[in-house]
Amino acid sequence: RSYRFRTIIALIFTLVFSRFSLHGQELQINPGSFFVINGSANIRINNADLINNGTYTKGTETVTISGTVASTISGSSNIALNNLIVTNTGGVTTQLGLLTVNDFTTEAGSKFTIDPLKAVTVTGITVNNAGTGGLILKSDITGTASLIQNTGGVPATVERYISGASEDWHFLSSPVADQNIDENQG
């Protein structure tokens, strides 16, 4: 079944269909509201935001954030999704304290940004088909974004804010792989 909507603002909204497709301009869960996924669902958010101020309970859904207009994942409540696919060429920025997903994919031409002091944890597979510009971890004077994931070789841009204090530069180096260490060097 396929349902089109502009905004979901509900006290309780439960998806119980084995094959459910939800298309809309914004998914907003208000304080005190519940959005519960029972089973498999396809949720596509096009050119708009996912805002969780209530309770989102995941199932085996795939959430796709698409379009060409910059979008955000935000709200006062953390969220756990089964699968997240970003196909938005305008970019998607997470502003949640913690976004947890099983599998995460950024498609070619798209961009996913994690704001400073925000965290994303991927418990399954991370795929970034958009190169280093497709996955960006931001940093500023308030702090640095966090990405915890287990997939090797994922291209990304990782920013690191460094103040002008001289001691801040002591821990700055370029990444080095497979460098031989000579114990006889002083």
Protein backbone atom coordinates (compact mmCIF):
# COMPACT_ATOMS: atom_id res chain seq x y z
CA ARG A 1 0.00 0.00 0.00
CA SER A 2 1.16 3.51 -0.64
CA TYR A 3 -0.03 6.55 1.29
CA ARG A 4 0.85 10.16 0.58
CA PHE A 5 0.85 12.75 3.35
CA ARG A 6 2.27 16.17 4.11
CA THR A 7 2.93 15.90 7.82
CA ILE A 8 2.32 13.22 10.40
CA ILE A 9 1.33 14.65 13.74
CA ALA A 10 -0.35 11.93 15.71
CA LEU A 11 -0.76 10.70 19.23
CA ILE A 12 -0.21 7.11 18.12
CA PHE A 13 0.65 6.03 14.58
CA THR A 14 1.40 2.34 14.10
CA LEU A 15 2.53 0.76 10.83
CA VAL A 16 1.48 -2.86 10.80
CA PHE A 17 1.46 -3.70 7.09
CA SER A 18 4.04 -6.18 5.85
CA ARG A 19 4.69 -3.96 2.81
CA PHE A 20 3.99 -0.34 3.53
CA SER A 21 5.25 2.66 1.61
CA LEU A 22 4.96 6.12 3.10
CA HIS A 23 5.77 9.21 1.01
CA GLY A 24 5.70 12.69 2.40
CA GLN A 25 7.14 16.12 2.80
CA GLU A 26 7.93 15.85 6.50
CA LEU A 27 7.77 13.31 9.28
CA GLN A 28 7.22 15.06 12.59
CA ILE A 29 6.62 13.24 15.85
CA ASN A 30 5.39 15.62 18.53
CA PRO A 31 6.11 15.40 22.27
CA GLY A 32 4.09 12.62 23.85
CA SER A 33 3.42 11.03 20.44
CA PHE A 34 4.49 7.58 19.26
CA PHE A 35 5.51 6.34 15.81
CA VAL A 36 5.81 2.55 15.90
CA ILE A 37 7.00 0.35 13.02
CA ASN A 38 5.82 -3.26 13.21
CA GLY A 39 7.41 -5.21 10.37
CA SER A 40 8.84 -3.94 7.11
CA ALA A 41 8.08 -0.48 5.75
CA ASN A 42 9.51 1.95 3.22
CA ILE A 43 9.43 5.54 4.39
CA ARG A 44 10.53 8.21 1.90
CA ILE A 45 10.93 11.80 3.07
CA ASN A 46 11.32 14.08 0.05
CA ASN A 47 12.78 17.61 0.32
CA ALA A 48 11.92 17.90 4.02
CA ASP A 49 12.83 16.94 7.55
CA LEU A 50 12.54 14.08 10.03
CA ILE A 51 11.74 15.65 13.40
CA ASN A 52 11.48 13.43 16.47
CA ASN A 53 10.24 15.06 19.66
CA GLY A 54 8.31 11.97 20.73
CA THR A 55 9.00 8.25 20.51
CA TYR A 56 10.03 6.44 17.32
CA THR A 57 10.11 2.64 17.62
CA LYS A 58 11.89 0.94 14.74
CA GLY A 59 10.98 -2.25 12.95
CA THR A 60 12.65 -3.50 9.79
CA GLU A 61 11.97 -0.30 7.87
CA THR A 62 14.05 1.53 5.31
CA VAL A 63 13.96 5.32 5.60
CA THR A 64 15.06 7.17 2.47
CA ILE A 65 15.65 10.91 2.62
CA SER A 66 15.55 12.17 -0.96
CA GLY A 67 15.24 15.32 -3.00
CA THR A 68 17.31 18.36 -3.86
CA VAL A 69 16.53 20.64 -0.90
CA ALA A 70 18.69 20.50 2.25
CA SER A 71 17.00 18.48 4.99
CA THR A 72 17.61 17.76 8.66
CA ILE A 73 17.12 14.94 11.11
CA SER A 74 16.41 16.73 14.37
CA GLY A 75 14.33 16.89 17.50
CA SER A 76 14.63 16.54 21.24
CA SER A 77 14.52 12.72 21.23
CA ASN A 78 17.21 10.40 19.89
CA ILE A 79 16.18 7.97 17.20
CA ALA A 80 17.08 4.44 16.06
CA LEU A 81 16.30 3.45 12.46
CA ASN A 82 16.69 0.08 10.81
CA ASN A 83 18.11 1.27 7.47
CA LEU A 84 18.82 4.84 6.38
CA ILE A 85 19.48 5.76 2.75
CA VAL A 86 20.41 9.33 1.78
CA THR A 87 19.68 10.26 -1.85
CA ASN A 88 19.27 13.98 -1.21
CA THR A 89 21.61 16.04 -3.42
CA GLY A 90 20.87 19.14 -1.29
CA GLY A 91 22.29 17.31 1.73
CA VAL A 92 20.97 15.87 4.97
CA THR A 93 22.28 17.06 8.34
CA THR A 94 21.69 15.25 11.59
CA GLN A 95 21.22 17.51 14.58
CA LEU A 96 20.13 14.74 16.95
CA GLY A 97 22.16 13.94 20.04
CA LEU A 98 22.34 10.32 18.85
CA LEU A 99 21.13 8.70 15.64
CA THR A 100 21.53 4.91 15.58
CA VAL A 101 21.03 2.88 12.41
CA ASN A 102 21.60 -0.75 11.44
CA ASP A 103 22.72 -0.03 7.86
CA PHE A 104 23.57 3.39 6.43
CA THR A 105 24.04 4.38 2.77
CA THR A 106 24.86 7.72 1.15
CA GLU A 107 24.25 7.51 -2.61
CA ALA A 108 26.42 9.18 -5.27
CA GLY A 109 25.82 12.92 -5.53
CA SER A 110 24.31 13.09 -2.03
CA LYS A 111 25.71 14.44 1.21
CA PHE A 112 25.23 13.50 4.87
CA THR A 113 26.59 15.80 7.59
CA ILE A 114 26.90 15.18 11.31
CA ASP A 115 26.82 18.47 13.25
CA PRO A 116 29.31 19.24 16.07
CA LEU A 117 28.55 17.43 19.35
CA LYS A 118 26.13 15.07 17.55
CA ALA A 119 26.68 11.33 17.15
CA VAL A 120 25.81 8.60 14.67
CA THR A 121 26.28 4.91 15.43
CA VAL A 122 26.01 2.33 12.64
CA THR A 123 25.71 -1.21 13.97
CA GLY A 124 25.75 -2.89 10.54
CA ILE A 125 27.22 -1.76 7.22
CA THR A 126 28.18 1.79 6.22
CA VAL A 127 28.29 2.59 2.48
CA ASN A 128 29.32 5.98 1.12
CA ASN A 129 28.98 6.08 -2.67
CA ALA A 130 29.46 9.87 -2.70
CA GLY A 131 33.18 9.98 -1.81
CA THR A 132 34.78 12.22 0.81
CA GLY A 133 32.25 15.00 0.18
CA GLY A 134 29.36 12.64 0.85
CA LEU A 135 30.00 12.04 4.55
CA ILE A 136 31.10 15.00 6.66
CA LEU A 137 31.81 15.16 10.39
CA LYS A 138 31.74 18.79 11.54
CA SER A 139 33.77 20.41 14.30
CA ASP A 140 33.70 23.86 15.86
CA ILE A 141 34.56 25.60 19.13
CA THR A 142 31.72 23.68 20.91
CA GLY A 143 32.98 20.21 19.96
CA THR A 144 33.32 17.57 17.26
CA ALA A 145 30.87 15.18 15.60
CA SER A 146 31.12 11.44 16.29
CA LEU A 147 30.68 8.48 13.94
CA ILE A 148 30.99 4.98 15.35
CA GLN A 149 30.88 2.26 12.68
CA ASN A 150 32.65 -0.98 11.76
CA THR A 151 33.04 -0.82 7.97
CA GLY A 152 36.61 -0.26 6.78
CA GLY A 153 37.62 2.12 4.00
CA VAL A 154 34.58 4.42 4.15
CA PRO A 155 35.54 7.78 2.57
CA ALA A 156 34.67 10.84 4.66
CA THR A 157 35.69 14.39 5.52
CA VAL A 158 36.47 14.75 9.21
CA GLU A 159 36.87 18.27 10.52
CA ARG A 160 38.74 19.06 13.71
CA TYR A 161 38.49 22.47 15.32
CA ILE A 162 41.81 23.56 16.82
CA SER A 163 42.06 26.73 18.86
CA GLY A 164 45.03 29.04 18.69
CA ALA A 165 46.51 27.76 21.97
CA SER A 166 49.99 26.31 21.41
CA GLU A 167 49.29 23.10 23.35
CA ASP A 168 46.46 22.23 20.95
CA TRP A 169 48.97 21.66 18.14
CA HIS A 170 50.86 18.91 20.03
CA PHE A 171 48.32 16.28 19.06
CA LEU A 172 48.07 17.18 15.39
CA SER A 173 49.48 14.82 12.76
CA SER A 174 48.60 13.35 9.40
CA PRO A 175 47.33 9.77 9.29
CA VAL A 176 50.01 7.18 8.64
CA ALA A 177 49.39 3.56 7.69
CA ASP A 178 51.90 0.70 7.91
CA GLN A 179 54.84 2.88 8.97
CA ASN A 180 57.86 0.90 10.12
CA ILE A 181 59.13 1.79 13.57
CA ASP A 182 62.87 1.56 14.05
CA GLU A 183 63.52 0.91 17.74
CA ASN A 184 67.13 2.08 17.28
CA GLN A 185 66.06 5.58 16.30
CA GLY A 186 66.09 8.02 19.19
